[in-house]
Amino acid sequence: MRIHPLGSRVLLKLSEAEEKTSPGGVVLPNTAKKKKVLQGEVLAVGRETEVSVKRGDVVLVPRDGGIRLEHDQHRMRIVKAADMLAVVKRSE
């Protein structure tokens, strides 16, 4: 199965978050980290998207934005292009 977003939507593969452990040895879930944004890699871009992102770019999106889905054991999200907050540039 291949997923391609329609309109001005973007398909993201969310970055795998590392598990955090408290000083007492308790494993903290992702929701306990209180991050307000998610980081994901662009897998596909809808044809009507006016934002200049392309496949392979890493972007930041709001934690509660978009449609969540799981495909091939990967966490993914379909978001509106306008909801993307930033492109993450890797320093070289």
N, C-alpha and C. Protein backbone atom coordinates (compact mmCIF):
# COMPACT_ATOMS: atom_id res chain seq x y z
N MET A 1 0.85 -1.18 0.00
CA MET A 1 0.00 0.00 0.00
C MET A 1 0.90 1.24 0.00
N ARG A 2 0.54 2.20 -0.81
CA ARG A 2 1.27 3.46 -0.89
C ARG A 2 0.33 4.59 -0.53
N ILE A 3 0.79 5.50 0.30
CA ILE A 3 -0.04 6.62 0.75
C ILE A 3 0.49 7.89 0.11
N HIS A 4 -0.40 8.64 -0.54
CA HIS A 4 -0.02 9.93 -1.10
C HIS A 4 -1.06 10.96 -0.66
N PRO A 5 -0.63 12.03 0.00
CA PRO A 5 -1.59 13.03 0.50
C PRO A 5 -2.22 13.82 -0.65
N LEU A 6 -3.45 14.25 -0.43
CA LEU A 6 -4.18 15.03 -1.41
C LEU A 6 -4.15 16.51 -1.04
N GLY A 7 -4.39 17.35 -2.03
CA GLY A 7 -4.49 18.79 -1.80
C GLY A 7 -3.21 19.38 -1.25
N SER A 8 -3.35 20.13 -0.17
CA SER A 8 -2.20 20.82 0.42
C SER A 8 -1.74 20.12 1.70
N ARG A 9 -1.82 18.80 1.68
CA ARG A 9 -1.40 18.04 2.87
C ARG A 9 -0.03 17.40 2.64
N VAL A 10 0.63 17.06 3.76
CA VAL A 10 1.97 16.48 3.72
C VAL A 10 1.97 15.24 4.60
N LEU A 11 2.59 14.17 4.11
CA LEU A 11 2.73 12.94 4.88
C LEU A 11 4.09 12.92 5.56
N LEU A 12 4.09 12.73 6.88
CA LEU A 12 5.32 12.73 7.67
C LEU A 12 5.52 11.39 8.35
N LYS A 13 6.77 10.96 8.44
CA LYS A 13 7.14 9.82 9.29
C LYS A 13 7.77 10.43 10.53
N LEU A 14 7.13 10.23 11.67
CA LEU A 14 7.58 10.85 12.90
C LEU A 14 8.88 10.23 13.38
N SER A 15 9.74 11.07 13.92
CA SER A 15 11.01 10.60 14.48
C SER A 15 10.73 9.74 15.69
N GLU A 16 11.49 8.69 15.83
CA GLU A 16 11.35 7.82 16.99
C GLU A 16 11.94 8.53 18.20
N ALA A 17 11.14 8.68 19.21
CA ALA A 17 11.60 9.34 20.44
C ALA A 17 12.32 8.33 21.31
N GLU A 18 13.39 8.76 21.90
CA GLU A 18 14.11 7.88 22.80
C GLU A 18 13.38 7.81 24.14
N GLU A 19 13.41 6.65 24.76
CA GLU A 19 12.78 6.50 26.07
C GLU A 19 13.60 7.22 27.12
N LYS A 20 12.92 7.91 27.98
CA LYS A 20 13.59 8.60 29.08
C LYS A 20 13.26 7.87 30.38
N THR A 21 14.21 7.85 31.26
CA THR A 21 14.03 7.21 32.56
C THR A 21 14.26 8.25 33.64
N SER A 22 13.39 8.25 34.63
CA SER A 22 13.54 9.18 35.75
C SER A 22 14.70 8.73 36.62
N PRO A 23 15.19 9.62 37.50
CA PRO A 23 16.28 9.23 38.40
C PRO A 23 15.94 8.01 39.26
N GLY A 24 14.65 7.76 39.48
CA GLY A 24 14.22 6.61 40.28
C GLY A 24 14.08 5.33 39.47
N GLY A 25 14.34 5.41 38.14
CA GLY A 25 14.27 4.22 37.29
C GLY A 25 12.93 4.00 36.61
N VAL A 26 12.00 4.95 36.72
CA VAL A 26 10.69 4.82 36.09
C VAL A 26 10.80 5.30 34.64
N VAL A 27 10.29 4.47 33.70
CA VAL A 27 10.30 4.86 32.29
C VAL A 27 9.19 5.87 32.06
N LEU A 28 9.57 7.02 31.48
CA LEU A 28 8.61 8.11 31.25
C LEU A 28 8.07 8.02 29.83
N PRO A 29 6.74 8.02 29.65
CA PRO A 29 6.18 8.01 28.30
C PRO A 29 6.41 9.35 27.61
N ASN A 30 6.25 9.36 26.29
CA ASN A 30 6.45 10.59 25.52
C ASN A 30 5.57 11.73 26.00
N THR A 31 4.37 11.41 26.47
CA THR A 31 3.46 12.47 26.91
C THR A 31 3.95 13.16 28.16
N ALA A 32 4.81 12.54 28.92
CA ALA A 32 5.33 13.15 30.14
C ALA A 32 6.42 14.16 29.87
N LYS A 33 6.92 14.21 28.66
CA LYS A 33 8.02 15.11 28.33
C LYS A 33 7.54 16.54 28.12
N LYS A 34 6.24 16.73 27.92
CA LYS A 34 5.64 18.04 27.75
C LYS A 34 6.15 18.81 26.54
N LYS A 35 6.56 18.10 25.51
CA LYS A 35 6.96 18.77 24.29
C LYS A 35 5.70 19.19 23.55
N LYS A 36 5.76 20.35 22.97
CA LYS A 36 4.59 20.86 22.26
C LYS A 36 4.70 20.65 20.75
N VAL A 37 5.86 20.17 20.29
CA VAL A 37 6.04 19.95 18.85
C VAL A 37 6.58 18.55 18.60
N LEU A 38 6.32 18.07 17.40
CA LEU A 38 6.85 16.79 16.93
C LEU A 38 7.79 17.05 15.77
N GLN A 39 8.71 16.16 15.56
CA GLN A 39 9.64 16.25 14.44
C GLN A 39 9.38 15.07 13.52
N GLY A 40 9.33 15.33 12.22
CA GLY A 40 9.08 14.25 11.28
C GLY A 40 9.73 14.51 9.94
N GLU A 41 9.96 13.40 9.22
CA GLU A 41 10.56 13.47 7.89
C GLU A 41 9.44 13.47 6.85
N VAL A 42 9.54 14.35 5.87
CA VAL A 42 8.56 14.44 4.80
C VAL A 42 8.70 13.23 3.89
N LEU A 43 7.61 12.47 3.74
CA LEU A 43 7.61 11.31 2.85
C LEU A 43 6.93 11.62 1.52
N ALA A 44 5.90 12.46 1.56
CA ALA A 44 5.18 12.82 0.34
C ALA A 44 4.49 14.16 0.54
N VAL A 45 4.31 14.88 -0.57
CA VAL A 45 3.72 16.22 -0.54
C VAL A 45 2.56 16.25 -1.54
N GLY A 46 1.41 16.78 -1.10
CA GLY A 46 0.26 16.93 -1.99
C GLY A 46 0.55 17.92 -3.11
N ARG A 47 -0.17 17.78 -4.21
CA ARG A 47 0.11 18.59 -5.41
C ARG A 47 -0.21 20.07 -5.24
N GLU A 48 -1.10 20.39 -4.34
CA GLU A 48 -1.50 21.80 -4.16
C GLU A 48 -0.72 22.49 -3.04
N THR A 49 0.32 21.85 -2.54
CA THR A 49 1.10 22.41 -1.43
C THR A 49 1.96 23.56 -1.93
N GLU A 50 1.80 24.73 -1.29
CA GLU A 50 2.56 25.91 -1.68
C GLU A 50 3.79 26.12 -0.82
N VAL A 51 3.94 25.32 0.24
CA VAL A 51 5.10 25.42 1.11
C VAL A 51 6.26 24.69 0.44
N SER A 52 7.45 25.28 0.53
CA SER A 52 8.60 24.70 -0.19
C SER A 52 9.29 23.62 0.63
N VAL A 53 8.63 22.49 0.79
CA VAL A 53 9.25 21.33 1.41
C VAL A 53 9.26 20.21 0.38
N LYS A 54 10.22 19.32 0.54
CA LYS A 54 10.31 18.20 -0.40
C LYS A 54 10.58 16.93 0.38
N ARG A 55 10.48 15.83 -0.28
CA ARG A 55 10.72 14.55 0.34
C ARG A 55 12.12 14.53 0.98
N GLY A 56 12.19 14.06 2.21
CA GLY A 56 13.46 13.99 2.92
C GLY A 56 13.70 15.13 3.89
N ASP A 57 12.98 16.26 3.72
CA ASP A 57 13.12 17.37 4.66
C ASP A 57 12.61 16.95 6.04
N VAL A 58 13.18 17.52 7.08
CA VAL A 58 12.71 17.28 8.44
C VAL A 58 12.01 18.55 8.90
N VAL A 59 10.79 18.39 9.41
CA VAL A 59 9.98 19.55 9.80
C VAL A 59 9.45 19.38 11.22
N LEU A 60 9.02 20.50 11.78
CA LEU A 60 8.37 20.52 13.08
C LEU A 60 6.89 20.81 12.89
N VAL A 61 6.05 20.07 13.62
CA VAL A 61 4.60 20.26 13.57
C VAL A 61 4.05 20.24 14.99
N PRO A 62 2.88 20.86 15.22
CA PRO A 62 2.29 20.82 16.56
C PRO A 62 1.96 19.38 16.97
N ARG A 63 2.14 19.08 18.25
CA ARG A 63 1.88 17.73 18.75
C ARG A 63 0.45 17.28 18.48
N ASP A 64 -0.50 18.17 18.59
CA ASP A 64 -1.90 17.77 18.45
C ASP A 64 -2.47 18.02 17.06
N GLY A 65 -1.62 18.36 16.09
CA GLY A 65 -2.11 18.64 14.75
C GLY A 65 -2.13 17.41 13.85
N GLY A 66 -2.93 17.48 12.82
CA GLY A 66 -2.95 16.45 11.80
C GLY A 66 -3.69 15.18 12.18
N ILE A 67 -3.60 14.22 11.28
CA ILE A 67 -4.25 12.92 11.44
C ILE A 67 -3.19 11.88 11.72
N ARG A 68 -3.33 11.16 12.81
CA ARG A 68 -2.36 10.13 13.19
C ARG A 68 -2.68 8.83 12.48
N LEU A 69 -1.63 8.11 12.07
CA LEU A 69 -1.81 6.79 11.53
C LEU A 69 -0.54 5.98 11.72
N GLU A 70 -0.68 4.68 11.60
CA GLU A 70 0.47 3.80 11.71
C GLU A 70 0.48 2.93 10.45
N HIS A 71 1.66 2.83 9.83
CA HIS A 71 1.80 2.07 8.59
C HIS A 71 3.16 1.41 8.58
N ASP A 72 3.22 0.13 8.33
CA ASP A 72 4.48 -0.63 8.34
C ASP A 72 5.25 -0.41 9.64
N GLN A 73 4.54 -0.39 10.74
CA GLN A 73 5.11 -0.22 12.08
C GLN A 73 5.82 1.12 12.27
N HIS A 74 5.44 2.13 11.51
CA HIS A 74 5.98 3.47 11.67
C HIS A 74 4.85 4.41 12.08
N ARG A 75 5.19 5.34 12.99
CA ARG A 75 4.22 6.37 13.36
C ARG A 75 4.26 7.45 12.29
N MET A 76 3.11 7.77 11.74
CA MET A 76 3.02 8.77 10.67
C MET A 76 1.93 9.77 11.02
N ARG A 77 1.96 10.85 10.29
CA ARG A 77 0.96 11.88 10.47
C ARG A 77 0.75 12.60 9.14
N ILE A 78 -0.50 12.87 8.82
CA ILE A 78 -0.84 13.69 7.66
C ILE A 78 -1.26 15.04 8.20
N VAL A 79 -0.53 16.09 7.78
CA VAL A 79 -0.79 17.44 8.29
C VAL A 79 -1.04 18.39 7.12
N LYS A 80 -1.75 19.46 7.40
CA LYS A 80 -1.90 20.52 6.41
C LYS A 80 -0.56 21.23 6.29
N ALA A 81 -0.20 21.59 5.08
CA ALA A 81 1.08 22.27 4.86
C ALA A 81 1.16 23.55 5.69
N ALA A 82 0.06 24.24 5.85
CA ALA A 82 0.05 25.49 6.61
C ALA A 82 0.31 25.27 8.10
N ASP A 83 0.13 24.04 8.59
CA ASP A 83 0.34 23.75 10.01
C ASP A 83 1.80 23.45 10.34
N MET A 84 2.64 23.28 9.34
CA MET A 84 4.05 23.03 9.61
C MET A 84 4.68 24.29 10.19
N LEU A 85 5.50 24.12 11.22
CA LEU A 85 6.08 25.26 11.93
C LEU A 85 7.44 25.68 11.41
N ALA A 86 8.28 24.71 11.04
CA ALA A 86 9.65 25.02 10.64
C ALA A 86 10.27 23.83 9.93
N VAL A 87 11.29 24.12 9.12
CA VAL A 87 12.12 23.09 8.52
C VAL A 87 13.40 23.03 9.34
N VAL A 88 13.82 21.83 9.72
CA VAL A 88 15.04 21.66 10.51
C VAL A 88 16.20 21.47 9.56
N LYS A 89 17.16 22.37 9.64
CA LYS A 89 18.36 22.27 8.80
C LYS A 89 19.45 21.61 9.61
N ARG A 90 20.09 20.62 9.04
CA ARG A 90 21.17 19.93 9.73
C ARG A 90 22.47 20.68 9.48
N SER A 91 23.14 21.02 10.56
CA SER A 91 24.40 21.75 10.41
C SER A 91 25.49 20.80 9.95
N GLU A 92 26.34 21.30 9.08
CA GLU A 92 27.40 20.46 8.50
C GLU A 92 28.75 20.93 8.92
